[in-house]
Structure formats: C-alpha cells, structure tokens
Amino acid sequence: MPETFDLSRLGAWSELPFFGQPLERIAAGLDGPFLPPPVLTFRALECTQPQDVRAVILGQDPYHTPGKADGLAFSIPDAFGGRLDSLGNILKELESDLGVARRRTSLQDWADGGVLLLNTALTVPPHAPKAHAKLGWSALVSEVLAHLSDRPRAFLLWGAPAQAYSNQLDTRHLVLRSPHPSPLSAHRGFFGSRPFSKVNQWLIDQGERPIDWAGA
C-alpha cells in the first residue's frame, strides 16, 4: 500500500476488498494535496466499527476549506471558528426537530454513539468541491453498505449522490432521503424533514436505545 494512507486503525473494516487494489488505484490518482489529510481520511470507519453502527449518515464529499474537514461527514473541529455551512443547517434542523440547541461542532460523540458519518467521496482537493466524486470512492461506499446489511439499521441519505445508493438498501432498514443540508439546497426539503426524531423512534420500535444527538 502506498504511504499515503495509514490503515492500521481500520479494525474490522480492513477486511473489505476495497482496501487492496481499489485503494491503490485511488492513491495513484491523488496527484496533489487533498482534504481531509491522509491521517483523517478513514476516520469515520476507524471511529465506528461495523458491529457498533446503528445509523448511517451519508453525505457528499468533505469540506473543501483547509482545516474544516475532520474525517467525519459534516463534522467540524470545535476550534475551527469559521462558517458552518451544511453543519449549521443540520444543527438548525436538530433544534427544530428535538428542541436540542447543540453548540459543539465536532460530531465525535455521534460517531462514538453508533452513527457512521460517511461521505460518498472521502477526499476533495482544497477549494475544488466534487473534484474527486469519480475517483473510485463509490466502491468503498457500496462495500460498506453491503457489509451493514446483516441487520436492520437506519440510513440517512442527504443529497443526490447519497440517494443514488438507496437501491442497495432493502426494506428491513429505515431509509430516509432528503436534499443535502448545504446552504444551496437545505430549503428544498432538508428543513422540516425531522431525521433525528424519526431515527430515534425507529430505534425504539426496534427495541434499541435512541441516539443522543445533543452530546455533552
């Protein structure tokens, strides 16, 4: 494996076929700097192992502003201090849905609580959104979804790239589709979609504990 990525913390995810030649081809195609940095590229998988996944939030690609993407979809380091964009709209919907006024921007607690925060592309060049959309990351996303089909789970597909994977999910799962929460599209149906309460009610109906979306 090229030195670009450190795969030592993948745990059970390392068994996916993607972490062979498919990743080698992607690494060979990365001809410049990308975000998040290599040490954080697979952080979503590292933080939430397959057996712990209760819900999946699938987005588009990482933030393309340096220092903003932290390897968890939609998450932003607490010390970032800049515009929240998509995350800001997610937090607005969270407050509207559950009355939760979340201030933390890092979503590490969601990952720790069983929410896999994955994008349909795991890298992006600085200031070039969607530039890696066809680099080959779709193979990883498909393998992750197939691996998670062993039992019912909740899937939140935000935006057209994420919704394109809905045909890979059967009726055992809760599948919630909505526009992407970005400032360009949130008003087209993300606001008012109430994804957080819907996931928690579904989990309760499955006999599972709800997710603590508020965090500490």
Protein backbone atom coordinates (compact mmCIF):
# COMPACT_ATOMS: atom_id res chain seq x y z
CA MET A 1 0.00 0.00 0.00
CA PRO A 2 1.37 3.47 -0.83
CA GLU A 3 2.48 5.53 2.13
CA THR A 4 -0.39 7.98 1.55
CA PHE A 5 -2.73 6.24 3.97
CA ASP A 6 -2.35 4.58 7.35
CA LEU A 7 -4.73 1.61 7.52
CA SER A 8 -3.64 0.33 10.92
CA ARG A 9 -6.70 1.65 12.77
CA LEU A 10 -9.44 0.30 10.48
CA GLY A 11 -10.27 -2.66 12.67
CA ALA A 12 -12.88 -4.97 11.12
CA TRP A 13 -13.34 -2.63 8.15
CA SER A 14 -9.87 -3.64 6.92
CA GLU A 15 -11.40 -6.91 5.67
CA LEU A 16 -13.26 -5.10 2.87
CA PRO A 17 -11.84 -5.89 -0.59
CA PHE A 18 -11.60 -2.16 -1.25
CA PHE A 19 -8.51 -1.95 0.94
CA GLY A 20 -6.44 -3.62 -1.73
CA GLN A 21 -6.16 -2.74 -5.40
CA PRO A 22 -9.14 -0.32 -5.47
CA LEU A 23 -7.49 1.89 -2.86
CA GLU A 24 -4.13 1.57 -4.58
CA ARG A 25 -5.71 2.93 -7.77
CA ILE A 26 -7.20 5.86 -5.88
CA ALA A 27 -3.89 6.60 -4.16
CA ALA A 28 -2.17 6.62 -7.55
CA GLY A 29 -4.71 9.15 -8.81
CA LEU A 30 -4.17 11.60 -5.96
CA ASP A 31 -1.74 13.92 -7.72
CA GLY A 32 -1.94 16.86 -5.32
CA PRO A 33 -2.95 17.88 -1.80
CA PHE A 34 -6.36 16.77 -0.58
CA LEU A 35 -8.69 17.15 2.38
CA PRO A 36 -9.02 15.88 5.00
CA PRO A 37 -5.33 14.97 5.40
CA PRO A 38 -4.38 11.29 4.97
CA VAL A 39 -4.31 10.61 8.71
CA LEU A 40 -8.02 11.55 8.88
CA THR A 41 -9.29 10.15 5.57
CA PHE A 42 -10.73 6.95 7.06
CA ARG A 43 -11.60 8.39 10.46
CA ALA A 44 -15.32 7.64 10.07
CA LEU A 45 -14.60 3.93 9.73
CA GLU A 46 -11.96 3.95 12.46
CA CYS A 47 -14.34 5.58 14.95
CA THR A 48 -17.42 3.46 14.27
CA GLN A 49 -16.80 -0.24 13.81
CA PRO A 50 -19.35 -2.37 11.88
CA GLN A 51 -20.80 -4.08 14.93
CA ASP A 52 -21.40 -0.68 16.59
CA VAL A 53 -23.22 1.01 13.69
CA ARG A 54 -26.84 1.82 14.47
CA ALA A 55 -27.34 4.61 11.95
CA VAL A 56 -25.51 5.89 8.88
CA ILE A 57 -25.45 9.48 7.70
CA LEU A 58 -24.24 9.54 4.11
CA GLY A 59 -23.24 12.88 2.65
CA GLN A 60 -21.43 14.08 -0.46
CA ASP A 61 -17.76 14.95 -0.09
CA PRO A 62 -15.63 16.57 2.63
CA TYR A 63 -15.49 20.29 3.24
CA HIS A 64 -13.02 21.81 0.78
CA THR A 65 -11.84 24.60 3.11
CA PRO A 66 -8.49 23.76 4.77
CA GLY A 67 -8.85 23.00 8.47
CA LYS A 68 -12.59 22.35 8.26
CA ALA A 69 -12.94 18.64 7.36
CA ASP A 70 -12.06 16.25 10.19
CA GLY A 71 -12.83 12.91 8.56
CA LEU A 72 -16.38 12.58 9.91
CA ALA A 73 -19.06 13.66 7.43
CA PHE A 74 -20.44 17.13 8.27
CA SER A 75 -18.32 17.37 11.44
CA ILE A 76 -16.10 20.42 12.01
CA PRO A 77 -13.37 20.77 14.67
CA ASP A 78 -14.69 22.70 17.65
CA ALA A 79 -11.86 25.24 17.32
CA PHE A 80 -12.43 25.95 13.62
CA GLY A 81 -14.20 29.27 14.11
CA GLY A 82 -15.35 29.76 10.51
CA ARG A 83 -18.65 29.34 8.68
CA LEU A 84 -20.58 26.18 9.49
CA ASP A 85 -22.50 25.95 6.18
CA SER A 86 -24.03 22.43 5.99
CA LEU A 87 -23.42 21.69 9.66
CA GLY A 88 -25.08 24.93 10.64
CA ASN A 89 -28.24 23.84 8.83
CA ILE A 90 -28.05 20.39 10.42
CA LEU A 91 -27.92 22.00 13.85
CA LYS A 92 -30.89 24.23 12.96
CA GLU A 93 -32.90 21.17 11.97
CA LEU A 94 -31.82 19.36 15.13
CA GLU A 95 -33.12 22.22 17.25
CA SER A 96 -36.36 22.41 15.28
CA ASP A 97 -36.85 18.65 15.43
CA LEU A 98 -35.88 17.81 19.01
CA GLY A 99 -35.50 21.18 20.71
CA VAL A 100 -31.78 20.50 21.09
CA ALA A 101 -29.58 23.60 20.94
CA ARG A 102 -26.26 21.92 20.19
CA ARG A 103 -23.18 24.15 20.34
CA ARG A 104 -20.38 21.65 19.68
CA THR A 105 -19.43 21.35 16.03
CA SER A 106 -17.34 18.20 16.35
CA LEU A 107 -19.61 15.20 15.82
CA GLN A 108 -17.26 12.75 17.52
CA ASP A 109 -19.93 11.91 20.07
CA TRP A 110 -22.30 10.86 17.27
CA ALA A 111 -19.62 8.53 15.90
CA ASP A 112 -18.98 7.15 19.38
CA GLY A 113 -22.73 6.57 19.76
CA GLY A 114 -23.01 4.37 16.69
CA VAL A 115 -23.59 6.89 13.89
CA LEU A 116 -21.35 6.21 10.90
CA LEU A 117 -20.61 9.63 9.39
CA LEU A 118 -19.59 8.75 5.84
CA ASN A 119 -19.36 10.68 2.58
CA THR A 120 -19.77 9.30 -0.94
CA ALA A 121 -16.25 10.62 -1.65
CA LEU A 122 -13.68 10.59 1.12
CA THR A 123 -11.32 13.19 -0.32
CA VAL A 124 -11.52 16.56 -2.05
CA PRO A 125 -8.83 18.96 -3.33
CA PRO A 126 -8.68 22.29 -1.49
CA HIS A 127 -11.30 24.69 -2.84
CA ALA A 128 -12.49 22.22 -5.51
CA PRO A 129 -15.79 20.62 -4.40
CA LYS A 130 -16.82 17.37 -6.10
CA ALA A 131 -13.47 17.07 -7.90
CA HIS A 132 -12.91 13.55 -6.50
CA ALA A 133 -16.51 12.38 -6.96
CA LYS A 134 -15.48 9.95 -9.70
CA LEU A 135 -12.11 8.93 -8.31
CA GLY A 136 -13.34 5.49 -7.23
CA TRP A 137 -14.65 6.00 -3.70
CA SER A 138 -18.03 4.58 -4.77
CA ALA A 139 -16.57 1.08 -4.47
CA LEU A 140 -15.90 1.64 -0.78
CA VAL A 141 -19.37 3.07 -0.13
CA SER A 142 -21.03 0.09 -1.81
CA GLU A 143 -18.95 -2.37 0.19
CA VAL A 144 -19.70 -0.58 3.46
CA LEU A 145 -23.44 -0.63 2.78
CA ALA A 146 -23.35 -4.29 1.82
CA HIS A 147 -21.40 -5.11 4.99
CA LEU A 148 -24.01 -3.30 7.07
CA SER A 149 -26.92 -5.22 5.56
CA ASP A 150 -26.56 -8.04 8.08
CA ARG A 151 -29.22 -6.49 10.34
CA PRO A 152 -31.68 -3.58 10.22
CA ARG A 153 -30.13 -0.14 10.53
CA ALA A 154 -31.16 3.46 9.89
CA PHE A 155 -29.74 5.22 6.83
CA LEU A 156 -29.98 8.95 6.24
CA LEU A 157 -29.14 9.77 2.62
CA TRP A 158 -28.54 13.50 2.28
CA GLY A 159 -28.21 14.82 -1.27
CA ALA A 160 -28.41 13.23 -4.71
CA PRO A 161 -25.03 11.44 -4.58
CA ALA A 162 -26.06 9.72 -1.34
CA GLN A 163 -29.56 8.92 -2.58
CA ALA A 164 -28.05 7.12 -5.58
CA TYR A 165 -27.17 4.29 -3.17
CA SER A 166 -30.75 3.77 -1.96
CA ASN A 167 -31.29 0.84 -4.33
CA GLN A 168 -28.62 -1.06 -2.37
CA LEU A 169 -30.70 -0.96 0.82
CA ASP A 170 -33.62 -3.32 1.35
CA THR A 171 -36.87 -2.78 3.21
CA ARG A 172 -35.55 -4.09 6.55
CA HIS A 173 -33.79 -0.79 7.04
CA LEU A 174 -35.09 2.67 7.77
CA VAL A 175 -34.06 4.73 4.74
CA LEU A 176 -34.61 8.48 4.94
CA ARG A 177 -33.86 10.54 1.83
CA SER A 178 -33.65 14.32 1.77
CA PRO A 179 -31.87 17.15 -0.04
CA HIS A 180 -28.35 17.95 1.09
CA PRO A 181 -28.19 20.33 4.07
CA SER A 182 -25.91 22.78 2.25
CA PRO A 183 -26.99 26.44 2.06
CA LEU A 184 -27.78 25.84 -1.63
CA SER A 185 -30.32 23.07 -1.07
CA ALA A 186 -31.43 22.84 2.57
CA HIS A 187 -34.59 24.84 1.86
CA ARG A 188 -35.68 22.30 -0.76
CA GLY A 189 -36.76 19.76 1.83
CA PHE A 190 -33.98 19.17 4.33
CA PHE A 191 -35.53 21.68 6.71
CA GLY A 192 -38.59 20.08 8.20
CA SER A 193 -37.53 16.51 7.38
CA ARG A 194 -37.14 15.68 11.12
CA PRO A 195 -34.49 12.97 10.61
CA PHE A 196 -33.33 12.84 14.23
CA SER A 197 -36.69 12.10 15.82
CA LYS A 198 -37.55 9.63 13.06
CA VAL A 199 -34.35 7.66 13.60
CA ASN A 200 -34.81 7.60 17.37
CA GLN A 201 -38.42 6.48 17.15
CA TRP A 202 -37.44 3.72 14.71
CA LEU A 203 -34.65 2.56 17.02
CA ILE A 204 -37.06 2.48 19.96
CA ASP A 205 -39.51 0.45 17.88
CA GLN A 206 -36.65 -1.97 17.16
CA GLY A 207 -36.03 -2.36 20.88
CA GLU A 208 -32.84 -0.28 20.80
CA ARG A 209 -31.86 2.80 22.73
CA PRO A 210 -32.18 6.16 20.95
CA ILE A 211 -29.18 8.19 19.85
CA ASP A 212 -28.07 11.11 21.98
CA TRP A 213 -27.89 13.79 19.30
CA ALA A 214 -27.30 16.57 21.85
CA GLY A 215 -23.90 15.38 23.03
CA ALA A 216 -22.16 16.67 26.12
